[in-house]
PDB file of all heavy atoms in Angstrom:
ATOM      1  N   VAL A   1      20.429 -52.525-149.145  1.00  0.00           N
ATOM      2  CA  VAL A   1      20.990 -52.077-150.412  1.00  0.00           C
ATOM      3  C   VAL A   1      21.273 -50.553-150.369  1.00  0.00           C
ATOM      4  O   VAL A   1      22.255 -50.029-150.860  1.00  0.00           O
ATOM      5  CB  VAL A   1      20.083 -52.396-151.576  1.00  0.00           C
ATOM      6  CG1 VAL A   1      20.450 -51.745-152.866  1.00  0.00           C
ATOM      7  CG2 VAL A   1      20.059 -53.896-151.861  1.00  0.00           C
ATOM      8  N   GLN A   2      20.372 -49.738-149.824  1.00  0.00           N
ATOM      9  CA  GLN A   2      20.511 -48.296-149.610  1.00  0.00           C
ATOM     10  C   GLN A   2      21.859 -48.052-148.786  1.00  0.00           C
ATOM     11  O   GLN A   2      22.633 -47.299-149.115  1.00  0.00           O
ATOM     12  CB  GLN A   2      19.375 -47.623-148.908  1.00  0.00           C
ATOM     13  CG  GLN A   2      19.444 -46.294-148.641  1.00  0.00           C
ATOM     14  CD  GLN A   2      19.416 -45.326-149.792  1.00  0.00           C
ATOM     15  OE1 GLN A   2      18.708 -45.567-150.725  1.00  0.00           O
ATOM     16  NE2 GLN A   2      20.301 -44.433-149.940  1.00  0.00           N
ATOM     17  N   ASN A   3      22.036 -48.774-147.677  1.00  0.00           N
ATOM     18  CA  ASN A   3      23.280 -48.622-146.874  1.00  0.00           C
ATOM     19  C   ASN A   3      24.403 -48.996-147.677  1.00  0.00           C
ATOM     20  O   ASN A   3      25.483 -48.322-147.594  1.00  0.00           O
ATOM     21  CB  ASN A   3      23.141 -49.479-145.612  1.00  0.00           C
ATOM     22  CG  ASN A   3      22.313 -48.967-144.568  1.00  0.00           C
ATOM     23  OD1 ASN A   3      21.739 -47.800-144.633  1.00  0.00           O
ATOM     24  ND2 ASN A   3      22.004 -49.784-143.511  1.00  0.00           N
ATOM     25  N   ALA A   4      24.442 -50.072-148.490  1.00  0.00           N
ATOM     26  CA  ALA A   4      25.524 -50.382-149.314  1.00  0.00           C
ATOM     27  C   ALA A   4      25.919 -49.410-150.312  1.00  0.00           C
ATOM     28  O   ALA A   4      27.043 -49.062-150.494  1.00  0.00           O
ATOM     29  CB  ALA A   4      25.242 -51.788-149.973  1.00  0.00           C
ATOM     30  N   ILE A   5      24.833 -48.755-150.965  1.00  0.00           N
ATOM     31  CA  ILE A   5      25.122 -47.671-151.945  1.00  0.00           C
ATOM     32  C   ILE A   5      25.897 -46.529-151.185  1.00  0.00           C
ATOM     33  O   ILE A   5      26.772 -46.023-151.769  1.00  0.00           O
ATOM     34  CB  ILE A   5      23.756 -47.283-152.695  1.00  0.00           C
ATOM     35  CG1 ILE A   5      23.334 -48.397-153.525  1.00  0.00           C
ATOM     36  CG2 ILE A   5      23.990 -45.901-153.364  1.00  0.00           C
ATOM     37  CD1 ILE A   5      21.854 -48.155-154.047  1.00  0.00           C
ATOM     38  N   GLU A   6      25.390 -46.154-150.079  1.00  0.00           N
ATOM     39  CA  GLU A   6      25.827 -44.985-149.408  1.00  0.00           C
ATOM     40  C   GLU A   6      27.252 -45.355-148.830  1.00  0.00           C
ATOM     41  O   GLU A   6      28.247 -44.516-148.905  1.00  0.00           O
ATOM     42  CB  GLU A   6      25.007 -44.560-148.110  1.00  0.00           C
ATOM     43  CG  GLU A   6      23.652 -43.984-148.574  1.00  0.00           C
ATOM     44  CD  GLU A   6      22.695 -43.842-147.407  1.00  0.00           C
ATOM     45  OE1 GLU A   6      23.136 -44.036-146.253  1.00  0.00           O
ATOM     46  OE2 GLU A   6      21.585 -43.531-147.677  1.00  0.00           O
ATOM     47  N   ALA A   7      27.567 -46.542-148.441  1.00  0.00           N
ATOM     48  CA  ALA A   7      28.858 -46.905-147.872  1.00  0.00           C
ATOM     49  C   ALA A   7      29.927 -46.913-149.003  1.00  0.00           C
ATOM     50  O   ALA A   7      31.071 -46.560-148.788  1.00  0.00           O
ATOM     51  CB  ALA A   7      28.775 -48.247-147.192  1.00  0.00           C
ATOM     52  N   THR A   8      29.549 -47.558-150.180  1.00  0.00           N
ATOM     53  CA  THR A   8      30.542 -47.678-151.237  1.00  0.00           C
ATOM     54  C   THR A   8      30.808 -46.512-152.016  1.00  0.00           C
ATOM     55  O   THR A   8      31.950 -46.322-152.561  1.00  0.00           O
ATOM     56  CB  THR A   8      30.161 -48.923-152.103  1.00  0.00           C
ATOM     57  OG1 THR A   8      31.272 -49.329-152.895  1.00  0.00           O
ATOM     58  CG2 THR A   8      29.087 -48.677-153.034  1.00  0.00           C
ATOM     59  N   GLY A   9      29.831 -45.654-152.161  1.00  0.00           N
ATOM     60  CA  GLY A   9      29.915 -44.465-152.954  1.00  0.00           C
ATOM     61  C   GLY A   9      30.153 -44.692-154.449  1.00  0.00           C
ATOM     62  O   GLY A   9      30.038 -45.672-155.010  1.00  0.00           O
ATOM     63  N   GLU A  10      30.599 -43.562-155.107  1.00  0.00           N
ATOM     64  CA  GLU A  10      30.780 -43.567-156.642  1.00  0.00           C
ATOM     65  C   GLU A  10      31.886 -44.612-156.889  1.00  0.00           C
ATOM     66  O   GLU A  10      32.938 -44.775-156.303  1.00  0.00           O
ATOM     67  CB  GLU A  10      31.117 -42.213-157.156  1.00  0.00           C
ATOM     68  CG  GLU A  10      29.959 -41.353-157.004  1.00  0.00           C
ATOM     69  CD  GLU A  10      29.795 -40.358-158.108  1.00  0.00           C
ATOM     70  OE1 GLU A  10      30.545 -40.420-159.093  1.00  0.00           O
ATOM     71  OE2 GLU A  10      28.946 -39.468-157.943  1.00  0.00           O
ATOM     72  N   ASN A  11      31.672 -45.356-157.964  1.00  0.00           N
ATOM     73  CA  ASN A  11      32.640 -46.257-158.613  1.00  0.00           C
ATOM     74  C   ASN A  11      32.964 -47.388-157.674  1.00  0.00           C
ATOM     75  O   ASN A  11      33.928 -48.149-157.884  1.00  0.00           O
ATOM     76  CB  ASN A  11      33.925 -45.549-158.976  1.00  0.00           C
ATOM     77  CG  ASN A  11      33.767 -44.433-159.916  1.00  0.00           C
ATOM     78  OD1 ASN A  11      33.032 -44.607-160.866  1.00  0.00           O
ATOM     79  ND2 ASN A  11      34.288 -43.250-159.619  1.00  0.00           N
ATOM     80  N   GLY A  12      32.011 -47.807-156.790  1.00  0.00           N
ATOM     81  CA  GLY A  12      32.216 -48.800-155.800  1.00  0.00           C
ATOM     82  C   GLY A  12      31.606 -50.221-156.219  1.00  0.00           C
ATOM     83  O   GLY A  12      31.367 -50.255-157.518  1.00  0.00           O
ATOM     84  N   LYS A  13      31.525 -51.089-155.488  1.00  0.00           N
ATOM     85  CA  LYS A  13      31.113 -52.431-155.901  1.00  0.00           C
ATOM     86  C   LYS A  13      30.065 -52.943-154.820  1.00  0.00           C
ATOM     87  O   LYS A  13      30.231 -52.736-153.583  1.00  0.00           O
ATOM     88  CB  LYS A  13      32.266 -53.465-155.955  1.00  0.00           C
ATOM     89  CG  LYS A  13      33.149 -53.214-157.021  1.00  0.00           C
ATOM     90  CD  LYS A  13      34.242 -54.257-157.033  1.00  0.00           C
ATOM     91  CE  LYS A  13      35.105 -54.063-158.323  1.00  0.00           C
ATOM     92  NZ  LYS A  13      36.575 -54.029-158.076  1.00  0.00           N
ATOM     93  N   ILE A  14      28.985 -53.643-155.335  1.00  0.00           N
ATOM     94  CA  ILE A  14      28.056 -54.194-154.395  1.00  0.00           C
ATOM     95  C   ILE A  14      27.803 -55.613-155.030  1.00  0.00           C
ATOM     96  O   ILE A  14      27.572 -55.799-156.163  1.00  0.00           O
ATOM     97  CB  ILE A  14      26.662 -53.461-154.368  1.00  0.00           C
ATOM     98  CG1 ILE A  14      26.870 -52.020-153.751  1.00  0.00           C
ATOM     99  CG2 ILE A  14      25.571 -54.139-153.647  1.00  0.00           C
ATOM    100  CD1 ILE A  14      25.676 -51.113-153.718  1.00  0.00           C
ATOM    101  N   LYS A  15      27.669 -56.625-154.153  1.00  0.00           N
ATOM    102  CA  LYS A  15      27.375 -57.980-154.563  1.00  0.00           C
ATOM    103  C   LYS A  15      26.382 -58.515-153.553  1.00  0.00           C
ATOM    104  O   LYS A  15      26.581 -58.497-152.296  1.00  0.00           O
ATOM    105  CB  LYS A  15      28.626 -58.876-154.585  1.00  0.00           C
ATOM    106  CG  LYS A  15      28.402 -60.245-154.914  1.00  0.00           C
ATOM    107  CD  LYS A  15      29.747 -61.046-154.921  1.00  0.00           C
ATOM    108  CE  LYS A  15      29.534 -62.497-155.272  1.00  0.00           C
ATOM    109  NZ  LYS A  15      30.716 -63.135-155.220  1.00  0.00           N
ATOM    110  N   ILE A  16      25.280 -59.011-154.155  1.00  0.00           N
ATOM    111  CA  ILE A  16      24.291 -59.723-153.326  1.00  0.00           C
ATOM    112  C   ILE A  16      24.368 -61.113-153.615  1.00  0.00           C
ATOM    113  O   ILE A  16      24.449 -61.518-154.848  1.00  0.00           O
ATOM    114  CB  ILE A  16      22.819 -59.100-153.576  1.00  0.00           C
ATOM    115  CG1 ILE A  16      22.791 -57.700-153.174  1.00  0.00           C
ATOM    116  CG2 ILE A  16      21.867 -60.083-152.742  1.00  0.00           C
ATOM    117  CD1 ILE A  16      21.420 -57.100-153.418  1.00  0.00           C
ATOM    118  N   THR A  17      24.306 -62.038-152.626  1.00  0.00           N
ATOM    119  CA  THR A  17      24.328 -63.464-152.824  1.00  0.00           C
ATOM    120  C   THR A  17      23.192 -63.994-152.058  1.00  0.00           C
ATOM    121  O   THR A  17      22.959 -63.582-150.887  1.00  0.00           O
ATOM    122  CB  THR A  17      25.651 -64.046-152.181  1.00  0.00           C
ATOM    123  OG1 THR A  17      26.738 -63.334-152.756  1.00  0.00           O
ATOM    124  CG2 THR A  17      25.855 -65.562-152.570  1.00  0.00           C
ATOM    125  N   SER A  18      22.466 -65.005-152.575  1.00  0.00           N
ATOM    126  CA  SER A  18      21.434 -65.726-151.832  1.00  0.00           C
ATOM    127  C   SER A  18      21.816 -67.182-151.915  1.00  0.00           C
ATOM    128  O   SER A  18      22.346 -67.744-152.887  1.00  0.00           O
ATOM    129  CB  SER A  18      20.034 -65.474-152.423  1.00  0.00           C
ATOM    130  OG  SER A  18      19.930 -66.114-153.766  1.00  0.00           O
ATOM    131  N   GLU A  19      21.681 -67.753-150.816  1.00  0.00           N
ATOM    132  CA  GLU A  19      22.212 -69.283-150.677  1.00  0.00           C
ATOM    133  C   GLU A  19      20.977 -70.146-150.050  1.00  0.00           C
ATOM    134  O   GLU A  19      20.309 -69.708-149.115  1.00  0.00           O
ATOM    135  CB  GLU A  19      23.338 -69.310-149.732  1.00  0.00           C
ATOM    136  CG  GLU A  19      24.572 -68.709-150.127  1.00  0.00           C
ATOM    137  CD  GLU A  19      25.601 -68.615-149.195  1.00  0.00           C
ATOM    138  OE1 GLU A  19      26.297 -69.749-149.070  1.00  0.00           O
ATOM    139  OE2 GLU A  19      25.699 -67.647-148.458  1.00  0.00           O
ATOM    140  N   ASP A  20      20.885 -71.324-150.631  1.00  0.00           N
ATOM    141  CA  ASP A  20      19.895 -72.286-150.112  1.00  0.00           C
ATOM    142  C   ASP A  20      20.597 -73.131-149.128  1.00  0.00           C
ATOM    143  O   ASP A  20      21.552 -73.744-149.387  1.00  0.00           O
ATOM    144  CB  ASP A  20      19.364 -73.165-151.224  1.00  0.00           C
ATOM    145  CG  ASP A  20      18.327 -74.068-150.910  1.00  0.00           C
ATOM    146  OD1 ASP A  20      18.169 -74.432-149.757  1.00  0.00           O
ATOM    147  OD2 ASP A  20      17.511 -74.533-151.789  1.00  0.00           O
ATOM    148  N   MET A  21      20.146 -73.119-147.859  1.00  0.00           N
ATOM    149  CA  MET A  21      20.831 -73.831-146.837  1.00  0.00           C
ATOM    150  C   MET A  21      19.904 -74.836-146.118  1.00  0.00           C
ATOM    151  O   MET A  21      19.795 -74.980-144.893  1.00  0.00           O
ATOM    152  CB  MET A  21      21.418 -72.861-145.694  1.00  0.00           C
ATOM    153  CG  MET A  21      22.356 -71.763-146.295  1.00  0.00           C
ATOM    154  SD  MET A  21      23.005 -70.654-145.228  1.00  0.00           S
ATOM    155  CE  MET A  21      24.087 -71.776-144.329  1.00  0.00           C
ATOM    156  N   TYR A  22      19.179 -75.557-147.035  1.00  0.00           N
ATOM    157  CA  TYR A  22      18.209 -76.674-146.569  1.00  0.00           C
ATOM    158  C   TYR A  22      16.954 -76.068-145.855  1.00  0.00           C
ATOM    159  O   TYR A  22      15.914 -75.927-146.380  1.00  0.00           O
ATOM    160  CB  TYR A  22      18.925 -77.750-145.842  1.00  0.00           C
ATOM    161  CG  TYR A  22      20.106 -78.302-146.643  1.00  0.00           C
ATOM    162  CD1 TYR A  22      21.403 -78.016-146.321  1.00  0.00           C
ATOM    163  CD2 TYR A  22      19.826 -79.015-147.830  1.00  0.00           C
ATOM    164  CE1 TYR A  22      22.488 -78.554-147.076  1.00  0.00           C
ATOM    165  CE2 TYR A  22      20.840 -79.489-148.635  1.00  0.00           C
ATOM    166  CZ  TYR A  22      22.169 -79.239-148.322  1.00  0.00           C
ATOM    167  OH  TYR A  22      23.367 -79.714-149.019  1.00  0.00           O
ATOM    168  N   THR A  23      17.194 -75.887-144.559  1.00  0.00           N
ATOM    169  CA  THR A  23      15.983 -75.395-143.833  1.00  0.00           C
ATOM    170  C   THR A  23      15.868 -73.937-143.672  1.00  0.00           C
ATOM    171  O   THR A  23      14.931 -73.397-143.205  1.00  0.00           O
ATOM    172  CB  THR A  23      15.940 -75.977-142.378  1.00  0.00           C
ATOM    173  OG1 THR A  23      17.198 -75.536-141.618  1.00  0.00           O
ATOM    174  CG2 THR A  23      15.969 -77.571-142.445  1.00  0.00           C
ATOM    175  N   LYS A  24      16.924 -73.268-144.157  1.00  0.00           N
ATOM    176  CA  LYS A  24      16.908 -71.720-144.074  1.00  0.00           C
ATOM    177  C   LYS A  24      17.545 -71.206-145.328  1.00  0.00           C
ATOM    178  O   LYS A  24      18.049 -71.941-146.207  1.00  0.00           O
ATOM    179  CB  LYS A  24      17.626 -71.351-142.836  1.00  0.00           C
ATOM    180  CG  LYS A  24      19.074 -71.687-142.654  1.00  0.00           C
ATOM    181  CD  LYS A  24      19.627 -71.218-141.345  1.00  0.00           C
ATOM    182  CE  LYS A  24      20.949 -71.855-141.154  1.00  0.00           C
ATOM    183  NZ  LYS A  24      21.590 -71.714-139.899  1.00  0.00           N
ATOM    184  N   VAL A  25      17.450 -69.980-145.543  1.00  0.00           N
ATOM    185  CA  VAL A  25      18.060 -69.187-146.552  1.00  0.00           C
ATOM    186  C   VAL A  25      18.990 -68.059-146.014  1.00  0.00           C
ATOM    187  O   VAL A  25      18.838 -67.589-144.886  1.00  0.00           O
ATOM    188  CB  VAL A  25      17.075 -68.578-147.522  1.00  0.00           C
ATOM    189  CG1 VAL A  25      16.203 -69.607-148.291  1.00  0.00           C
ATOM    190  CG2 VAL A  25      16.276 -67.393-146.858  1.00  0.00           C
ATOM    191  N   ARG A  26      20.054 -67.834-146.719  1.00  0.00           N
ATOM    192  CA  ARG A  26      21.051 -66.866-146.305  1.00  0.00           C
ATOM    193  C   ARG A  26      21.147 -65.720-147.512  1.00  0.00           C
ATOM    194  O   ARG A  26      21.425 -66.214-148.527  1.00  0.00           O
ATOM    195  CB  ARG A  26      22.457 -67.417-145.989  1.00  0.00           C
ATOM    196  CG  ARG A  26      23.498 -66.307-145.660  1.00  0.00           C
ATOM    197  CD  ARG A  26      24.916 -67.012-145.405  1.00  0.00           C
ATOM    198  NE  ARG A  26      24.797 -67.599-144.113  1.00  0.00           N
ATOM    199  CZ  ARG A  26      25.759 -68.303-143.608  1.00  0.00           C
ATOM    200  NH1 ARG A  26      26.945 -68.549-144.310  1.00  0.00           N
ATOM    201  NH2 ARG A  26      25.763 -68.893-142.469  1.00  0.00           N
ATOM    202  N   VAL A  27      21.000 -64.495-147.105  1.00  0.00           N
ATOM    203  CA  VAL A  27      21.225 -63.413-148.057  1.00  0.00           C
ATOM    204  C   VAL A  27      22.521 -62.532-147.540  1.00  0.00           C
ATOM    205  O   VAL A  27      22.459 -62.149-146.372  1.00  0.00           O
ATOM    206  CB  VAL A  27      19.975 -62.567-148.220  1.00  0.00           C
ATOM    207  CG1 VAL A  27      20.353 -61.411-149.099  1.00  0.00           C
ATOM    208  CG2 VAL A  27      18.925 -63.457-148.814  1.00  0.00           C
ATOM    209  N   SER A  28      23.390 -62.278-148.408  1.00  0.00           N
ATOM    210  CA  SER A  28      24.601 -61.492-148.049  1.00  0.00           C
ATOM    211  C   SER A  28      24.543 -60.243-148.924  1.00  0.00           C
ATOM    212  O   SER A  28      24.411 -60.387-150.286  1.00  0.00           O
ATOM    213  CB  SER A  28      25.873 -62.203-148.241  1.00  0.00           C
ATOM    214  OG  SER A  28      25.857 -63.511-147.538  1.00  0.00           O
ATOM    215  N   VAL A  29      24.695 -59.037-148.360  1.00  0.00           N
ATOM    216  CA  VAL A  29      24.855 -57.915-149.202  1.00  0.00           C
ATOM    217  C   VAL A  29      26.242 -57.239-148.854  1.00  0.00           C
ATOM    218  O   VAL A  29      26.494 -56.738-147.749  1.00  0.00           O
ATOM    219  CB  VAL A  29      23.717 -56.745-148.888  1.00  0.00           C
ATOM    220  CG1 VAL A  29      23.850 -55.656-149.667  1.00  0.00           C
ATOM    221  CG2 VAL A  29      22.352 -57.499-148.980  1.00  0.00           C
ATOM    222  N   TRP A  30      27.267 -57.429-149.781  1.00  0.00           N
ATOM    223  CA  TRP A  30      28.460 -56.956-149.634  1.00  0.00           C
ATOM    224  C   TRP A  30      28.770 -55.709-150.379  1.00  0.00           C
ATOM    225  O   TRP A  30      28.137 -55.453-151.517  1.00  0.00           O
ATOM    226  CB  TRP A  30      29.445 -58.047-150.109  1.00  0.00           C
ATOM    227  CG  TRP A  30      30.943 -57.662-150.218  1.00  0.00           C
ATOM    228  CD1 TRP A  30      31.881 -57.711-149.263  1.00  0.00           C
ATOM    229  CD2 TRP A  30      31.675 -56.961-151.320  1.00  0.00           C
ATOM    230  NE1 TRP A  30      33.038 -57.249-149.653  1.00  0.00           N
ATOM    231  CE2 TRP A  30      32.912 -56.678-150.775  1.00  0.00           C
ATOM    232  CE3 TRP A  30      31.238 -56.505-152.544  1.00  0.00           C
ATOM    233  CZ2 TRP A  30      33.953 -56.082-151.704  1.00  0.00           C
ATOM    234  CZ3 TRP A  30      32.188 -55.853-153.393  1.00  0.00           C
ATOM    235  CH2 TRP A  30      33.449 -55.743-152.947  1.00  0.00           C
ATOM    236  N   ASN A  31      29.589 -54.758-149.714  1.00  0.00           N
ATOM    237  CA  ASN A  31      29.877 -53.529-150.581  1.00  0.00           C
ATOM    238  C   ASN A  31      31.358 -53.289-150.284  1.00  0.00           C
ATOM    239  O   ASN A  31      31.982 -53.755-149.321  1.00  0.00           O
ATOM    240  CB  ASN A  31      29.094 -52.330-150.084  1.00  0.00           C
ATOM    241  CG  ASN A  31      29.372 -51.928-148.755  1.00  0.00           C
ATOM    242  OD1 ASN A  31      30.310 -51.219-148.498  1.00  0.00           O
ATOM    243  ND2 ASN A  31      28.394 -52.268-147.674  1.00  0.00           N
ATOM    244  N   SER A  32      32.041 -52.446-151.107  1.00  0.00           N
ATOM    245  CA  SER A  32      33.442 -52.173-151.070  1.00  0.00           C
ATOM    246  C   SER A  32      33.768 -51.047-150.225  1.00  0.00           C
ATOM    247  O   SER A  32      34.905 -50.467-150.325  1.00  0.00           O
ATOM    248  CB  SER A  32      33.918 -51.964-152.506  1.00  0.00           C
ATOM    249  OG  SER A  32      33.329 -50.863-153.185  1.00  0.00           O
ATOM    250  N   GLY A  33      32.870 -50.694-149.444  1.00  0.00           N
ATOM    251  CA  GLY A  33      33.058 -49.513-148.456  1.00  0.00           C
ATOM    252  C   GLY A  33      34.197 -49.869-147.370  1.00  0.00           C
ATOM    253  O   GLY A  33      34.603 -50.977-147.310  1.00  0.00           O
ATOM    254  N   PRO A  34      34.376 -48.829-146.536  1.00  0.00           N
ATOM    255  CA  PRO A  34      35.287 -48.965-145.465  1.00  0.00           C
ATOM    256  C   PRO A  34      34.828 -49.998-144.392  1.00  0.00           C
ATOM    257  O   PRO A  34      33.631 -50.079-144.202  1.00  0.00           O
ATOM    258  CB  PRO A  34      35.631 -47.597-144.924  1.00  0.00           C
ATOM    259  CG  PRO A  34      34.295 -46.853-145.275  1.00  0.00           C
ATOM    260  CD  PRO A  34      33.830 -47.466-146.614  1.00  0.00           C
ATOM    261  N   PRO A  35      35.864 -50.582-143.691  1.00  0.00           N
ATOM    262  CA  PRO A  35      35.473 -51.545-142.677  1.00  0.00           C
ATOM    263  C   PRO A  35      34.650 -50.783-141.566  1.00  0.00           C
ATOM    264  O   PRO A  35      34.828 -49.661-141.231  1.00  0.00           O
ATOM    265  CB  PRO A  35      36.609 -52.084-142.205  1.00  0.00           C
ATOM    266  CG  PRO A  35      37.685 -51.243-142.671  1.00  0.00           C
ATOM    267  CD  PRO A  35      37.232 -50.541-143.851  1.00  0.00           C
ATOM    268  N   ILE A  36      33.820 -51.626-140.761  1.00  0.00           N
ATOM    269  CA  ILE A  36      33.128 -51.032-139.671  1.00  0.00           C
ATOM    270  C   ILE A  36      34.002 -51.321-138.351  1.00  0.00           C
ATOM    271  O   ILE A  36      34.397 -52.455-138.158  1.00  0.00           O
ATOM    272  CB  ILE A  36      31.673 -51.630-139.425  1.00  0.00           C
ATOM    273  CG1 ILE A  36      30.757 -51.352-140.679  1.00  0.00           C
ATOM    274  CG2 ILE A  36      31.074 -51.296-138.131  1.00  0.00           C
ATOM    275  CD1 ILE A  36      29.472 -52.028-140.793  1.00  0.00           C
ATOM    276  N   PRO A  37      34.311 -50.321-137.641  1.00  0.00           N
ATOM    277  CA  PRO A  37      35.166 -50.662-136.477  1.00  0.00           C
ATOM    278  C   PRO A  37      34.489 -51.551-135.577  1.00  0.00           C
ATOM    279  O   PRO A  37      33.337 -51.542-135.294  1.00  0.00           O
ATOM    280  CB  PRO A  37      35.205 -49.216-135.759  1.00  0.00           C
ATOM    281  CG  PRO A  37      34.963 -48.159-136.904  1.00  0.00           C
ATOM    282  CD  PRO A  37      33.961 -48.892-137.836  1.00  0.00           C
TER     283      PRO A  37
END
């Protein structure tokens, strides 16, 4: 989350998603910052 805040900056967007995948869980932390080369 700290990295997402730094990457997106002011007026950006962050979305966290958690998913139940039967035997495991998946967490995604998306931000509207620039792509990583």
